[in-house]
Amino acid sequence: MALRPSLLSTAIVLMICLLSTGLEAADSLRCAKVVDKRLAELPLAEGDVKSVRIIERVNIADEYGPEIFGVDAWVRLNSCSGWLVLNMTAKCYIRQTYTRGDCRVEGLSAY
């Protein structure tokens, strides 16, 4: 049974969505300057930042909604095995900064 062109294109789009990281586009450069500035403001030891991964929360379900819902920066620190997370709007306004797992940073909430 051959697929009609509209069904074929829908199937291809669905496959691409399933093969991607879901609602996220990983390793973006969006908000990188804001992330660097915020990390410099935090009481972190010099060289404590191991890696930074910036993730865009993109809209794949609603063609009428915003293209990008927001941005998260997941920061791995050398001093712990959890994460330092910067949660931002699509325009890079920082909503909240918190830690996950066993990471602790003075003045931040830990979850």
C-alpha atoms as a PDB file:
ATOM      1  CA  MET A   1       0.000   0.000   0.000  1.00  0.00           C
ATOM      2  CA  ALA A   2       1.492   3.341  -1.064  1.00  0.00           C
ATOM      3  CA  LEU A   3       1.209   6.350   1.213  1.00  0.00           C
ATOM      4  CA  ARG A   4      -0.432   9.456  -0.134  1.00  0.00           C
ATOM      5  CA  PRO A   5       1.936  12.480  -0.280  1.00  0.00           C
ATOM      6  CA  SER A   6       0.216  14.216   2.655  1.00  0.00           C
ATOM      7  CA  LEU A   7       0.461  11.088   4.813  1.00  0.00           C
ATOM      8  CA  LEU A   8       4.069  10.545   3.763  1.00  0.00           C
ATOM      9  CA  SER A   9       5.094  14.081   4.700  1.00  0.00           C
ATOM     10  CA  THR A  10       3.263  13.740   8.027  1.00  0.00           C
ATOM     11  CA  ALA A  11       5.082  10.454   8.688  1.00  0.00           C
ATOM     12  CA  ILE A  12       8.453  12.050   7.883  1.00  0.00           C
ATOM     13  CA  VAL A  13       7.783  14.991  10.195  1.00  0.00           C
ATOM     14  CA  LEU A  14       6.724  12.587  12.940  1.00  0.00           C
ATOM     15  CA  MET A  15       9.909  10.532  12.498  1.00  0.00           C
ATOM     16  CA  ILE A  16      12.069  13.655  12.689  1.00  0.00           C
ATOM     17  CA  CYS A  17      10.282  14.750  15.851  1.00  0.00           C
ATOM     18  CA  LEU A  18      10.733  11.349  17.445  1.00  0.00           C
ATOM     19  CA  LEU A  19      14.398  11.186  16.493  1.00  0.00           C
ATOM     20  CA  SER A  20      15.127  14.648  17.851  1.00  0.00           C
ATOM     21  CA  THR A  21      15.408  15.362  21.565  1.00  0.00           C
ATOM     22  CA  GLY A  22      11.662  15.794  21.985  1.00  0.00           C
ATOM     23  CA  LEU A  23      10.766  19.348  22.908  1.00  0.00           C
ATOM     24  CA  GLU A  24      14.366  20.472  23.215  1.00  0.00           C
ATOM     25  CA  ALA A  25      17.115  21.539  20.862  1.00  0.00           C
ATOM     26  CA  ALA A  26      20.384  20.837  22.616  1.00  0.00           C
ATOM     27  CA  ASP A  27      23.619  22.797  22.699  1.00  0.00           C
ATOM     28  CA  SER A  28      22.390  26.183  21.615  1.00  0.00           C
ATOM     29  CA  LEU A  29      24.413  29.377  21.836  1.00  0.00           C
ATOM     30  CA  ARG A  30      21.291  31.373  22.697  1.00  0.00           C
ATOM     31  CA  CYS A  31      21.755  33.297  25.959  1.00  0.00           C
ATOM     32  CA  ALA A  32      25.441  32.274  26.247  1.00  0.00           C
ATOM     33  CA  LYS A  33      26.540  35.788  27.281  1.00  0.00           C
ATOM     34  CA  VAL A  34      23.817  35.958  29.944  1.00  0.00           C
ATOM     35  CA  VAL A  35      24.863  32.533  31.264  1.00  0.00           C
ATOM     36  CA  ASP A  36      28.532  33.589  31.430  1.00  0.00           C
ATOM     37  CA  LYS A  37      27.602  36.792  33.257  1.00  0.00           C
ATOM     38  CA  ARG A  38      25.399  34.949  35.783  1.00  0.00           C
ATOM     39  CA  LEU A  39      28.073  32.319  36.454  1.00  0.00           C
ATOM     40  CA  ALA A  40      30.600  35.099  37.122  1.00  0.00           C
ATOM     41  CA  GLU A  41      28.206  36.601  39.715  1.00  0.00           C
ATOM     42  CA  LEU A  42      27.813  33.341  41.662  1.00  0.00           C
ATOM     43  CA  PRO A  43      30.142  32.377  44.526  1.00  0.00           C
ATOM     44  CA  LEU A  44      31.817  29.541  42.593  1.00  0.00           C
ATOM     45  CA  ALA A  45      35.435  28.543  43.048  1.00  0.00           C
ATOM     46  CA  GLU A  46      37.719  29.413  40.150  1.00  0.00           C
ATOM     47  CA  GLY A  47      37.713  26.570  37.634  1.00  0.00           C
ATOM     48  CA  ASP A  48      34.677  24.885  39.221  1.00  0.00           C
ATOM     49  CA  VAL A  49      32.613  25.010  36.008  1.00  0.00           C
ATOM     50  CA  LYS A  50      33.192  21.714  34.210  1.00  0.00           C
ATOM     51  CA  SER A  51      30.735  22.146  31.323  1.00  0.00           C
ATOM     52  CA  VAL A  52      27.716  24.170  30.207  1.00  0.00           C
ATOM     53  CA  ARG A  53      24.901  22.845  28.068  1.00  0.00           C
ATOM     54  CA  ILE A  54      22.295  25.323  26.834  1.00  0.00           C
ATOM     55  CA  ILE A  55      18.963  23.797  25.848  1.00  0.00           C
ATOM     56  CA  GLU A  56      16.163  25.601  23.988  1.00  0.00           C
ATOM     57  CA  ARG A  57      12.656  24.471  24.886  1.00  0.00           C
ATOM     58  CA  VAL A  58      11.085  24.662  21.427  1.00  0.00           C
ATOM     59  CA  ASN A  59       7.464  24.489  20.369  1.00  0.00           C
ATOM     60  CA  ILE A  60       6.815  21.580  18.019  1.00  0.00           C
ATOM     61  CA  ALA A  61       3.144  21.086  18.795  1.00  0.00           C
ATOM     62  CA  ASP A  62       1.470  24.464  18.226  1.00  0.00           C
ATOM     63  CA  GLU A  63       2.066  26.346  14.996  1.00  0.00           C
ATOM     64  CA  TYR A  64       0.383  29.439  16.450  1.00  0.00           C
ATOM     65  CA  GLY A  65       2.408  29.604  19.657  1.00  0.00           C
ATOM     66  CA  PRO A  66       5.899  30.970  20.169  1.00  0.00           C
ATOM     67  CA  GLU A  67       8.765  29.205  18.400  1.00  0.00           C
ATOM     68  CA  ILE A  68      10.816  28.967  21.596  1.00  0.00           C
ATOM     69  CA  PHE A  69       9.248  28.651  25.056  1.00  0.00           C
ATOM     70  CA  GLY A  70      12.428  29.251  26.983  1.00  0.00           C
ATOM     71  CA  VAL A  71      16.043  28.340  27.545  1.00  0.00           C
ATOM     72  CA  ASP A  72      17.782  26.328  30.258  1.00  0.00           C
ATOM     73  CA  ALA A  73      21.501  26.251  30.957  1.00  0.00           C
ATOM     74  CA  TRP A  74      22.615  23.028  32.669  1.00  0.00           C
ATOM     75  CA  VAL A  75      25.989  23.586  34.295  1.00  0.00           C
ATOM     76  CA  ARG A  76      28.124  20.680  35.504  1.00  0.00           C
ATOM     77  CA  LEU A  77      30.435  21.625  38.369  1.00  0.00           C
ATOM     78  CA  ASN A  78      33.666  19.885  39.375  1.00  0.00           C
ATOM     79  CA  SER A  79      32.716  20.156  43.051  1.00  0.00           C
ATOM     80  CA  CYS A  80      29.566  17.978  42.851  1.00  0.00           C
ATOM     81  CA  SER A  81      27.777  15.374  40.774  1.00  0.00           C
ATOM     82  CA  GLY A  82      24.501  17.287  40.287  1.00  0.00           C
ATOM     83  CA  TRP A  83      23.726  20.375  38.240  1.00  0.00           C
ATOM     84  CA  LEU A  84      23.471  24.144  38.509  1.00  0.00           C
ATOM     85  CA  VAL A  85      20.476  25.204  36.395  1.00  0.00           C
ATOM     86  CA  LEU A  86      19.667  28.626  34.941  1.00  0.00           C
ATOM     87  CA  ASN A  87      16.049  28.794  33.775  1.00  0.00           C
ATOM     88  CA  MET A  88      15.409  31.648  31.308  1.00  0.00           C
ATOM     89  CA  THR A  89      12.789  33.076  29.001  1.00  0.00           C
ATOM     90  CA  ALA A  90      13.272  32.925  25.227  1.00  0.00           C
ATOM     91  CA  LYS A  91      14.629  36.500  25.458  1.00  0.00           C
ATOM     92  CA  CYS A  92      17.275  35.347  27.998  1.00  0.00           C
ATOM     93  CA  TYR A  93      15.731  36.895  31.106  1.00  0.00           C
ATOM     94  CA  ILE A  94      16.742  34.681  34.035  1.00  0.00           C
ATOM     95  CA  ARG A  95      13.649  33.403  35.830  1.00  0.00           C
ATOM     96  CA  GLN A  96      15.470  31.337  38.432  1.00  0.00           C
ATOM     97  CA  THR A  97      18.811  29.765  39.256  1.00  0.00           C
ATOM     98  CA  TYR A  98      18.914  26.612  41.363  1.00  0.00           C
ATOM     99  CA  THR A  99      20.894  23.434  41.940  1.00  0.00           C
ATOM    100  CA  ARG A 100      19.988  19.769  41.465  1.00  0.00           C
ATOM    101  CA  GLY A 101      21.356  16.625  43.046  1.00  0.00           C
ATOM    102  CA  ASP A 102      24.162  17.089  45.554  1.00  0.00           C
ATOM    103  CA  CYS A 103      25.280  20.500  44.240  1.00  0.00           C
ATOM    104  CA  ARG A 104      25.013  23.428  46.632  1.00  0.00           C
ATOM    105  CA  VAL A 105      25.713  27.080  45.894  1.00  0.00           C
ATOM    106  CA  GLU A 106      25.290  29.686  48.602  1.00  0.00           C
ATOM    107  CA  GLY A 107      22.103  31.708  48.143  1.00  0.00           C
ATOM    108  CA  LEU A 108      20.446  29.291  45.690  1.00  0.00           C
ATOM    109  CA  SER A 109      17.609  26.847  46.205  1.00  0.00           C
ATOM    110  CA  ALA A 110      18.490  23.162  45.958  1.00  0.00           C
ATOM    111  CA  TYR A 111      16.140  20.483  44.639  1.00  0.00           C
END
